[in-house]
């Protein structure tokens, strides 16, 4: 995920801003980390450069 996407992504639950906590970066790309809603506190994982912005009840956490 490119960090510039932070300007357009928002929490799918309440449409508030997301805060980025990047664990791994590579050449301007965020490879892994977490996006956390600044209002409701829900967290969304970033894995292999792809943010999973599905609501918690729709995620496959297996």
C-alpha atoms as a PDB file:
ATOM      1  CA  UNK A   1       0.000   0.000   0.000  1.00  0.00           C
ATOM      2  CA  UNK A   2       1.325   3.426  -0.834  1.00  0.00           C
ATOM      3  CA  UNK A   3       1.379   5.837   2.079  1.00  0.00           C
ATOM      4  CA  UNK A   4      -0.297   8.459  -0.138  1.00  0.00           C
ATOM      5  CA  UNK A   5      -3.504   6.384   0.094  1.00  0.00           C
ATOM      6  CA  UNK A   6      -3.851   7.631   3.678  1.00  0.00           C
ATOM      7  CA  UNK A   7      -5.322  10.814   2.195  1.00  0.00           C
ATOM      8  CA  UNK A   8      -8.347   8.951   0.807  1.00  0.00           C
ATOM      9  CA  UNK A   9      -8.954   5.878   2.996  1.00  0.00           C
ATOM     10  CA  UNK A  10     -11.305   6.064   5.965  1.00  0.00           C
ATOM     11  CA  UNK A  11     -12.864   3.722   8.501  1.00  0.00           C
ATOM     12  CA  UNK A  12     -15.574   1.645   6.783  1.00  0.00           C
ATOM     13  CA  UNK A  13     -17.575   1.606  10.012  1.00  0.00           C
ATOM     14  CA  UNK A  14     -17.909   5.340  10.742  1.00  0.00           C
ATOM     15  CA  UNK A  15     -15.983   7.126   7.948  1.00  0.00           C
ATOM     16  CA  UNK A  16     -13.462   8.742  10.322  1.00  0.00           C
ATOM     17  CA  UNK A  17      -9.720   9.042   9.652  1.00  0.00           C
ATOM     18  CA  UNK A  18      -7.357   6.105  10.040  1.00  0.00           C
ATOM     19  CA  UNK A  19      -3.991   6.257  11.798  1.00  0.00           C
ATOM     20  CA  UNK A  20      -1.114   4.267  10.296  1.00  0.00           C
ATOM     21  CA  UNK A  21       1.244   2.093  12.326  1.00  0.00           C
ATOM     22  CA  UNK A  22       3.675   0.623   9.775  1.00  0.00           C
ATOM     23  CA  UNK A  23       5.670  -2.437  10.829  1.00  0.00           C
ATOM     24  CA  UNK A  24       7.511  -2.943   7.527  1.00  0.00           C
ATOM     25  CA  UNK A  25       8.222  -0.616   4.599  1.00  0.00           C
ATOM     26  CA  UNK A  26       9.944  -1.233   1.295  1.00  0.00           C
ATOM     27  CA  UNK A  27      10.784   1.491  -1.219  1.00  0.00           C
ATOM     28  CA  UNK A  28       7.872   3.754  -0.287  1.00  0.00           C
ATOM     29  CA  UNK A  29       5.380   0.912   0.112  1.00  0.00           C
ATOM     30  CA  UNK A  30       3.877  -0.194   3.405  1.00  0.00           C
ATOM     31  CA  UNK A  31       4.210  -3.980   3.492  1.00  0.00           C
ATOM     32  CA  UNK A  32       2.711  -4.708   6.904  1.00  0.00           C
ATOM     33  CA  UNK A  33       1.145  -2.818   9.755  1.00  0.00           C
ATOM     34  CA  UNK A  34      -2.163  -1.630  11.114  1.00  0.00           C
ATOM     35  CA  UNK A  35      -4.679   1.076  10.322  1.00  0.00           C
ATOM     36  CA  UNK A  36      -6.638   2.219  13.390  1.00  0.00           C
ATOM     37  CA  UNK A  37      -9.738   4.412  13.398  1.00  0.00           C
ATOM     38  CA  UNK A  38      -9.196   7.671  15.264  1.00  0.00           C
ATOM     39  CA  UNK A  39     -12.826   7.618  16.492  1.00  0.00           C
ATOM     40  CA  UNK A  40     -14.083   4.072  17.151  1.00  0.00           C
ATOM     41  CA  UNK A  41     -10.638   2.458  17.645  1.00  0.00           C
ATOM     42  CA  UNK A  42     -11.279  -0.450  15.263  1.00  0.00           C
ATOM     43  CA  UNK A  43      -8.066  -1.859  13.734  1.00  0.00           C
ATOM     44  CA  UNK A  44      -7.525  -3.032  10.170  1.00  0.00           C
ATOM     45  CA  UNK A  45      -4.467  -5.119   9.251  1.00  0.00           C
ATOM     46  CA  UNK A  46      -2.105  -4.473   6.340  1.00  0.00           C
ATOM     47  CA  UNK A  47      -0.610  -7.729   5.072  1.00  0.00           C
ATOM     48  CA  UNK A  48       1.604  -8.165   2.005  1.00  0.00           C
ATOM     49  CA  UNK A  49       0.964  -4.519   1.121  1.00  0.00           C
ATOM     50  CA  UNK A  50      -2.830  -4.913   1.080  1.00  0.00           C
ATOM     51  CA  UNK A  51      -5.050  -3.202   3.672  1.00  0.00           C
ATOM     52  CA  UNK A  52      -7.996  -5.332   4.813  1.00  0.00           C
ATOM     53  CA  UNK A  53     -10.736  -2.734   5.260  1.00  0.00           C
ATOM     54  CA  UNK A  54     -13.575  -5.195   5.674  1.00  0.00           C
ATOM     55  CA  UNK A  55     -15.702  -4.657   8.787  1.00  0.00           C
ATOM     56  CA  UNK A  56     -14.604  -6.959  11.634  1.00  0.00           C
ATOM     57  CA  UNK A  57     -17.581  -9.322  11.281  1.00  0.00           C
ATOM     58  CA  UNK A  58     -16.782  -9.900   7.586  1.00  0.00           C
ATOM     59  CA  UNK A  59     -13.060 -10.694   7.949  1.00  0.00           C
ATOM     60  CA  UNK A  60     -11.626 -14.180   7.635  1.00  0.00           C
ATOM     61  CA  UNK A  61      -9.181 -14.164  10.549  1.00  0.00           C
ATOM     62  CA  UNK A  62      -8.392 -17.848  10.218  1.00  0.00           C
END
